[in-house]
Amino acid sequence: MLRELAKRWNNHKDLVRLFSRFLQYIERYYVSRRKIPSLREVGLKCFHDLVYREMHSTATEAVIALIHNEREGEQIDRQLVRNVVDVFVENGMGSIKKYEEDDFESFMLQDTASYYSSKASRWIQEDSCPEYTLKAYL
């Protein structure tokens, strides 16, 4: 699902860029004089409304699950995670604040805090003080 989301986002960006070049004359004269949104803005909003709103909560959970798997020692596709996070950032409608507060970062930070809190609790119960200190330090 994450691969498909990243692929569709890249395809969408490419199509908007091609249409913008194709309709450059209209964009330059008609759109600027009428003070209407540009094709790029409309394309971003369409993707956001039709695809991103439906998928971002599922995609957030999937990315957090991949990060959790990597913390447990599994190999993951880091490029895929990077591409999906780029989708989150670019769909913030020009603002990183939406990404930070609503879309991904706050959820990831909460998950990270709970993961390491439970890990530290388990280490305290299982290990001696020097072993715990070594694990916590490394």
N, C-alpha and C. Protein backbone atom coordinates (compact mmCIF):
# COMPACT_ATOMS: atom_id res chain seq x y z
N MET A 1 0.81 -1.18 0.00
CA MET A 1 0.00 0.00 0.00
C MET A 1 0.87 1.26 0.00
N LEU A 2 1.95 1.26 0.77
CA LEU A 2 2.82 2.43 0.82
C LEU A 2 3.53 2.65 -0.52
N ARG A 3 3.95 1.58 -1.15
CA ARG A 3 4.58 1.71 -2.47
C ARG A 3 3.61 2.32 -3.48
N GLU A 4 2.38 1.85 -3.43
CA GLU A 4 1.36 2.36 -4.35
C GLU A 4 1.09 3.84 -4.09
N LEU A 5 1.02 4.24 -2.83
CA LEU A 5 0.79 5.65 -2.49
C LEU A 5 1.93 6.52 -3.02
N ALA A 6 3.17 6.10 -2.78
CA ALA A 6 4.32 6.87 -3.25
C ALA A 6 4.35 6.91 -4.78
N LYS A 7 4.03 5.80 -5.42
CA LYS A 7 4.01 5.75 -6.89
C LYS A 7 2.94 6.67 -7.46
N ARG A 8 1.76 6.64 -6.87
CA ARG A 8 0.68 7.50 -7.37
C ARG A 8 0.99 8.98 -7.12
N TRP A 9 1.62 9.29 -6.01
CA TRP A 9 1.99 10.67 -5.74
C TRP A 9 3.01 11.16 -6.77
N ASN A 10 4.01 10.34 -7.07
CA ASN A 10 5.01 10.73 -8.06
C ASN A 10 4.38 10.89 -9.44
N ASN A 11 3.49 9.97 -9.80
CA ASN A 11 2.79 10.09 -11.09
C ASN A 11 1.95 11.36 -11.13
N HIS A 12 1.27 11.66 -10.05
CA HIS A 12 0.44 12.85 -9.99
C HIS A 12 1.29 14.12 -10.15
N LYS A 13 2.42 14.18 -9.45
CA LYS A 13 3.30 15.34 -9.58
C LYS A 13 3.81 15.49 -11.01
N ASP A 14 4.18 14.38 -11.65
CA ASP A 14 4.66 14.43 -13.03
C ASP A 14 3.58 14.93 -13.98
N LEU A 15 2.35 14.43 -13.81
CA LEU A 15 1.26 14.87 -14.67
C LEU A 15 0.94 16.34 -14.49
N VAL A 16 0.92 16.81 -13.26
CA VAL A 16 0.67 18.23 -13.02
C VAL A 16 1.76 19.08 -13.64
N ARG A 17 3.00 18.67 -13.54
CA ARG A 17 4.11 19.40 -14.13
C ARG A 17 3.99 19.43 -15.66
N LEU A 18 3.62 18.29 -16.26
CA LEU A 18 3.46 18.25 -17.72
C LEU A 18 2.29 19.12 -18.18
N PHE A 19 1.17 19.03 -17.48
CA PHE A 19 0.02 19.86 -17.84
C PHE A 19 0.34 21.35 -17.65
N SER A 20 1.10 21.67 -16.63
CA SER A 20 1.48 23.07 -16.41
C SER A 20 2.33 23.59 -17.56
N ARG A 21 3.23 22.78 -18.04
CA ARG A 21 4.05 23.18 -19.20
C ARG A 21 3.19 23.31 -20.44
N PHE A 22 2.29 22.36 -20.62
CA PHE A 22 1.43 22.36 -21.80
C PHE A 22 0.51 23.58 -21.81
N LEU A 23 0.02 23.95 -20.64
CA LEU A 23 -0.91 25.07 -20.52
C LEU A 23 -0.24 26.32 -19.98
N GLN A 24 1.04 26.47 -20.25
CA GLN A 24 1.82 27.57 -19.70
C GLN A 24 1.27 28.93 -20.13
N TYR A 25 0.86 29.07 -21.37
CA TYR A 25 0.34 30.33 -21.86
C TYR A 25 -0.92 30.73 -21.08
N ILE A 26 -1.84 29.78 -20.92
CA ILE A 26 -3.08 30.05 -20.18
C ILE A 26 -2.75 30.36 -18.72
N GLU A 27 -1.83 29.62 -18.19
CA GLU A 27 -1.40 29.82 -16.80
C GLU A 27 -0.84 31.23 -16.61
N ARG A 28 -0.03 31.66 -17.53
CA ARG A 28 0.65 32.94 -17.40
C ARG A 28 -0.30 34.12 -17.56
N TYR A 29 -1.20 34.05 -18.53
CA TYR A 29 -2.02 35.22 -18.82
C TYR A 29 -3.42 35.14 -18.23
N TYR A 30 -4.11 34.05 -18.43
CA TYR A 30 -5.49 33.97 -17.97
C TYR A 30 -5.59 33.82 -16.46
N VAL A 31 -4.83 32.88 -15.93
CA VAL A 31 -4.89 32.58 -14.49
C VAL A 31 -4.40 33.77 -13.67
N SER A 32 -3.31 34.38 -14.09
CA SER A 32 -2.76 35.49 -13.30
C SER A 32 -3.69 36.70 -13.34
N ARG A 33 -4.33 36.96 -14.47
CA ARG A 33 -5.24 38.11 -14.56
C ARG A 33 -6.54 37.88 -13.80
N ARG A 34 -7.03 36.66 -13.79
CA ARG A 34 -8.29 36.35 -13.11
C ARG A 34 -8.10 36.07 -11.62
N LYS A 35 -6.83 35.97 -11.23
CA LYS A 35 -6.49 35.68 -9.83
C LYS A 35 -7.18 34.42 -9.32
N ILE A 36 -7.08 33.37 -10.13
CA ILE A 36 -7.61 32.07 -9.74
C ILE A 36 -6.44 31.16 -9.42
N PRO A 37 -6.69 30.08 -8.70
CA PRO A 37 -5.57 29.18 -8.33
C PRO A 37 -4.89 28.59 -9.57
N SER A 38 -3.59 28.40 -9.45
CA SER A 38 -2.81 27.81 -10.55
C SER A 38 -3.12 26.33 -10.68
N LEU A 39 -2.71 25.77 -11.81
CA LEU A 39 -2.92 24.34 -12.04
C LEU A 39 -2.20 23.51 -10.99
N ARG A 40 -1.03 23.96 -10.58
CA ARG A 40 -0.27 23.23 -9.56
C ARG A 40 -1.05 23.20 -8.24
N GLU A 41 -1.58 24.34 -7.85
CA GLU A 41 -2.35 24.42 -6.60
C GLU A 41 -3.61 23.55 -6.67
N VAL A 42 -4.31 23.61 -7.80
CA VAL A 42 -5.52 22.82 -7.96
C VAL A 42 -5.19 21.33 -7.99
N GLY A 43 -4.08 20.97 -8.65
CA GLY A 43 -3.66 19.57 -8.70
C GLY A 43 -3.31 19.03 -7.32
N LEU A 44 -2.60 19.83 -6.54
CA LEU A 44 -2.25 19.42 -5.18
C LEU A 44 -3.49 19.26 -4.32
N LYS A 45 -4.41 20.20 -4.44
CA LYS A 45 -5.65 20.13 -3.66
C LYS A 45 -6.48 18.91 -4.06
N CYS A 46 -6.55 18.60 -5.34
CA CYS A 46 -7.31 17.42 -5.79
C CYS A 46 -6.73 16.14 -5.22
N PHE A 47 -5.39 16.00 -5.29
CA PHE A 47 -4.77 14.81 -4.72
C PHE A 47 -5.02 14.75 -3.22
N HIS A 48 -4.89 15.88 -2.56
CA HIS A 48 -5.10 15.94 -1.12
C HIS A 48 -6.52 15.51 -0.76
N ASP A 49 -7.49 16.04 -1.47
CA ASP A 49 -8.90 15.77 -1.15
C ASP A 49 -9.32 14.35 -1.51
N LEU A 50 -8.85 13.85 -2.65
CA LEU A 50 -9.33 12.56 -3.15
C LEU A 50 -8.54 11.36 -2.64
N VAL A 51 -7.25 11.53 -2.45
CA VAL A 51 -6.40 10.39 -2.09
C VAL A 51 -5.84 10.53 -0.68
N TYR A 52 -5.20 11.65 -0.43
CA TYR A 52 -4.44 11.81 0.81
C TYR A 52 -5.32 11.74 2.05
N ARG A 53 -6.45 12.40 2.04
CA ARG A 53 -7.33 12.36 3.21
C ARG A 53 -7.78 10.95 3.54
N GLU A 54 -8.00 10.15 2.52
CA GLU A 54 -8.46 8.77 2.73
C GLU A 54 -7.34 7.87 3.22
N MET A 55 -6.10 8.15 2.82
CA MET A 55 -5.01 7.22 3.07
C MET A 55 -4.06 7.62 4.19
N HIS A 56 -4.08 8.88 4.62
CA HIS A 56 -2.98 9.30 5.50
C HIS A 56 -3.00 8.61 6.85
N SER A 57 -4.15 8.28 7.41
CA SER A 57 -4.13 7.61 8.72
C SER A 57 -3.62 6.17 8.59
N THR A 58 -4.04 5.48 7.53
CA THR A 58 -3.55 4.13 7.29
C THR A 58 -2.07 4.13 6.97
N ALA A 59 -1.64 5.09 6.16
CA ALA A 59 -0.23 5.19 5.80
C ALA A 59 0.62 5.53 7.02
N THR A 60 0.11 6.39 7.89
CA THR A 60 0.83 6.73 9.12
C THR A 60 1.05 5.49 9.98
N GLU A 61 0.01 4.72 10.16
CA GLU A 61 0.14 3.49 10.95
C GLU A 61 1.12 2.52 10.32
N ALA A 62 1.10 2.40 9.00
CA ALA A 62 2.00 1.48 8.31
C ALA A 62 3.45 1.92 8.43
N VAL A 63 3.71 3.21 8.30
CA VAL A 63 5.08 3.72 8.43
C VAL A 63 5.58 3.54 9.86
N ILE A 64 4.73 3.81 10.83
CA ILE A 64 5.13 3.63 12.23
C ILE A 64 5.41 2.15 12.51
N ALA A 65 4.63 1.26 11.91
CA ALA A 65 4.87 -0.18 12.07
C ALA A 65 6.22 -0.56 11.46
N LEU A 66 6.55 0.01 10.30
CA LEU A 66 7.86 -0.27 9.69
C LEU A 66 8.99 0.22 10.58
N ILE A 67 8.84 1.41 11.14
CA ILE A 67 9.87 1.96 12.03
C ILE A 67 10.01 1.07 13.27
N HIS A 68 8.90 0.60 13.78
CA HIS A 68 8.93 -0.30 14.94
C HIS A 68 9.67 -1.59 14.58
N ASN A 69 9.40 -2.13 13.39
CA ASN A 69 10.10 -3.35 12.94
C ASN A 69 11.60 -3.11 12.84
N GLU A 70 11.99 -1.94 12.36
CA GLU A 70 13.42 -1.66 12.26
C GLU A 70 14.06 -1.56 13.64
N ARG A 71 13.33 -1.00 14.60
CA ARG A 71 13.85 -0.92 15.97
C ARG A 71 14.07 -2.30 16.56
N GLU A 72 13.28 -3.25 16.12
CA GLU A 72 13.41 -4.62 16.61
C GLU A 72 14.46 -5.42 15.84
N GLY A 73 15.13 -4.77 14.89
CA GLY A 73 16.24 -5.41 14.20
C GLY A 73 15.96 -5.90 12.80
N GLU A 74 14.75 -5.74 12.29
CA GLU A 74 14.44 -6.16 10.92
C GLU A 74 14.95 -5.13 9.92
N GLN A 75 15.21 -5.60 8.72
CA GLN A 75 15.58 -4.71 7.62
C GLN A 75 14.31 -4.19 6.96
N ILE A 76 14.24 -2.88 6.73
CA ILE A 76 13.08 -2.31 6.06
C ILE A 76 13.55 -1.50 4.86
N ASP A 77 12.62 -1.14 4.01
CA ASP A 77 12.91 -0.32 2.84
C ASP A 77 12.90 1.15 3.28
N ARG A 78 14.07 1.67 3.58
CA ARG A 78 14.16 3.04 4.08
C ARG A 78 13.77 4.06 3.02
N GLN A 79 14.06 3.75 1.77
CA GLN A 79 13.69 4.67 0.70
C GLN A 79 12.17 4.79 0.60
N LEU A 80 11.47 3.69 0.83
CA LEU A 80 10.00 3.73 0.83
C LEU A 80 9.49 4.61 1.96
N VAL A 81 10.06 4.46 3.14
CA VAL A 81 9.65 5.30 4.28
C VAL A 81 9.92 6.76 3.97
N ARG A 82 11.08 7.04 3.40
CA ARG A 82 11.43 8.41 3.04
C ARG A 82 10.45 8.98 2.01
N ASN A 83 10.08 8.17 1.02
CA ASN A 83 9.14 8.63 -0.01
C ASN A 83 7.77 8.92 0.58
N VAL A 84 7.30 8.08 1.48
CA VAL A 84 5.99 8.30 2.09
C VAL A 84 6.01 9.52 3.00
N VAL A 85 7.09 9.71 3.74
CA VAL A 85 7.19 10.90 4.58
C VAL A 85 7.22 12.15 3.70
N ASP A 86 7.86 12.07 2.53
CA ASP A 86 7.82 13.19 1.59
C ASP A 86 6.40 13.49 1.12
N VAL A 87 5.60 12.45 0.93
CA VAL A 87 4.20 12.65 0.57
C VAL A 87 3.49 13.42 1.69
N PHE A 88 3.75 13.05 2.93
CA PHE A 88 3.15 13.75 4.07
C PHE A 88 3.56 15.23 4.08
N VAL A 89 4.84 15.48 3.89
CA VAL A 89 5.35 16.85 3.94
C VAL A 89 4.78 17.67 2.79
N GLU A 90 4.80 17.13 1.59
CA GLU A 90 4.36 17.89 0.43
C GLU A 90 2.85 18.11 0.42
N ASN A 91 2.09 17.29 1.10
CA ASN A 91 0.65 17.48 1.17
C ASN A 91 0.25 18.36 2.34
N GLY A 92 1.21 18.98 2.98
CA GLY A 92 0.91 19.94 4.03
C GLY A 92 0.45 21.27 3.49
N MET A 93 0.23 21.33 2.20
CA MET A 93 -0.25 22.55 1.53
C MET A 93 0.69 23.74 1.79
N GLY A 94 1.98 23.49 1.64
CA GLY A 94 2.96 24.56 1.77
C GLY A 94 3.39 24.87 3.19
N SER A 95 2.95 24.08 4.15
CA SER A 95 3.31 24.35 5.54
C SER A 95 3.79 23.07 6.20
N ILE A 96 4.91 23.13 6.87
CA ILE A 96 5.44 21.98 7.60
C ILE A 96 4.68 21.78 8.89
N LYS A 97 3.95 22.79 9.33
CA LYS A 97 3.22 22.73 10.60
C LYS A 97 2.17 21.62 10.58
N LYS A 98 1.48 21.45 9.46
CA LYS A 98 0.47 20.41 9.35
C LYS A 98 1.10 19.02 9.49
N TYR A 99 2.27 18.84 8.85
CA TYR A 99 2.99 17.58 8.98
C TYR A 99 3.40 17.33 10.42
N GLU A 100 3.89 18.36 11.08
CA GLU A 100 4.37 18.21 12.45
C GLU A 100 3.26 17.90 13.44
N GLU A 101 2.13 18.58 13.30
CA GLU A 101 1.08 18.48 14.32
C GLU A 101 0.00 17.44 14.00
N ASP A 102 -0.39 17.34 12.75
CA ASP A 102 -1.57 16.54 12.41
C ASP A 102 -1.27 15.24 11.69
N ASP A 103 -0.29 15.25 10.81
CA ASP A 103 -0.17 14.14 9.89
C ASP A 103 0.74 13.01 10.34
N PHE A 104 1.95 13.32 10.75
CA PHE A 104 2.87 12.22 11.03
C PHE A 104 3.74 12.40 12.26
N GLU A 105 4.40 13.52 12.36
CA GLU A 105 5.45 13.67 13.36
C GLU A 105 4.95 13.47 14.79
N SER A 106 3.82 14.03 15.11
CA SER A 106 3.32 13.89 16.49
C SER A 106 3.01 12.42 16.82
N PHE A 107 2.46 11.68 15.85
CA PHE A 107 2.18 10.26 16.07
C PHE A 107 3.47 9.46 16.23
N MET A 108 4.47 9.79 15.41
CA MET A 108 5.74 9.08 15.49
C MET A 108 6.42 9.35 16.83
N LEU A 109 6.39 10.59 17.29
CA LEU A 109 7.02 10.92 18.57
C LEU A 109 6.31 10.24 19.74
N GLN A 110 4.99 10.17 19.70
CA GLN A 110 4.24 9.45 20.74
C GLN A 110 4.60 7.98 20.75
N ASP A 111 4.66 7.39 19.56
CA ASP A 111 5.01 5.97 19.46
C ASP A 111 6.44 5.72 19.93
N THR A 112 7.34 6.62 19.58
CA THR A 112 8.74 6.48 20.00
C THR A 112 8.86 6.57 21.52
N ALA A 113 8.15 7.50 22.11
CA ALA A 113 8.20 7.65 23.56
C ALA A 113 7.65 6.41 24.27
N SER A 114 6.53 5.89 23.80
CA SER A 114 5.97 4.70 24.44
C SER A 114 6.84 3.47 24.22
N TYR A 115 7.45 3.36 23.03
CA TYR A 115 8.33 2.21 22.74
C TYR A 115 9.52 2.19 23.68
N TYR A 116 10.21 3.34 23.78
CA TYR A 116 11.41 3.36 24.61
C TYR A 116 11.08 3.36 26.09
N SER A 117 9.93 3.85 26.47
CA SER A 117 9.50 3.76 27.87
C SER A 117 9.28 2.31 28.27
N SER A 118 8.59 1.56 27.42
CA SER A 118 8.37 0.14 27.73
C SER A 118 9.68 -0.64 27.68
N LYS A 119 10.55 -0.29 26.74
CA LYS A 119 11.85 -0.96 26.63
C LYS A 119 12.67 -0.70 27.91
N ALA A 120 12.69 0.54 28.38
CA ALA A 120 13.44 0.88 29.59
C ALA A 120 12.86 0.17 30.81
N SER A 121 11.53 0.08 30.89
CA SER A 121 10.90 -0.62 32.01
C SER A 121 11.28 -2.09 32.02
N ARG A 122 11.30 -2.68 30.84
CA ARG A 122 11.67 -4.10 30.74
C ARG A 122 13.13 -4.29 31.12
N TRP A 123 14.01 -3.39 30.70
CA TRP A 123 15.43 -3.50 31.04
C TRP A 123 15.64 -3.35 32.54
N ILE A 124 14.91 -2.45 33.17
CA ILE A 124 15.06 -2.25 34.62
C ILE A 124 14.69 -3.52 35.37
N GLN A 125 13.64 -4.19 34.92
CA GLN A 125 13.20 -5.42 35.60
C GLN A 125 14.14 -6.59 35.35
N GLU A 126 14.70 -6.68 34.15
CA GLU A 126 15.49 -7.85 33.76
C GLU A 126 16.97 -7.74 34.09
N ASP A 127 17.53 -6.55 34.05
CA ASP A 127 18.99 -6.38 34.12
C ASP A 127 19.42 -5.77 35.45
N SER A 128 20.70 -5.98 35.74
CA SER A 128 21.29 -5.33 36.91
C SER A 128 21.57 -3.87 36.57
N CYS A 129 21.95 -3.12 37.56
CA CYS A 129 22.19 -1.69 37.37
C CYS A 129 23.29 -1.41 36.33
N PRO A 130 24.43 -2.08 36.39
CA PRO A 130 25.48 -1.81 35.38
C PRO A 130 25.04 -2.21 33.96
N GLU A 131 24.31 -3.33 33.85
CA GLU A 131 23.84 -3.76 32.53
C GLU A 131 22.83 -2.76 31.97
N TYR A 132 21.94 -2.31 32.83
CA TYR A 132 20.93 -1.31 32.40
C TYR A 132 21.61 -0.02 31.95
N THR A 133 22.61 0.41 32.71
CA THR A 133 23.31 1.64 32.38
C THR A 133 23.99 1.51 31.03
N LEU A 134 24.60 0.36 30.77
CA LEU A 134 25.24 0.15 29.48
C LEU A 134 24.22 0.18 28.33
N LYS A 135 23.10 -0.49 28.51
CA LYS A 135 22.06 -0.51 27.47
C LYS A 135 21.47 0.88 27.25
N ALA A 136 21.21 1.60 28.33
CA ALA A 136 20.64 2.93 28.21
C ALA A 136 21.61 3.90 27.58
N TYR A 137 22.90 3.72 27.87
CA TYR A 137 23.91 4.62 27.32
C TYR A 137 24.14 4.37 25.84
N LEU A 138 24.11 3.10 25.43
CA LEU A 138 24.37 2.75 24.04
C LEU A 138 23.10 2.92 23.27
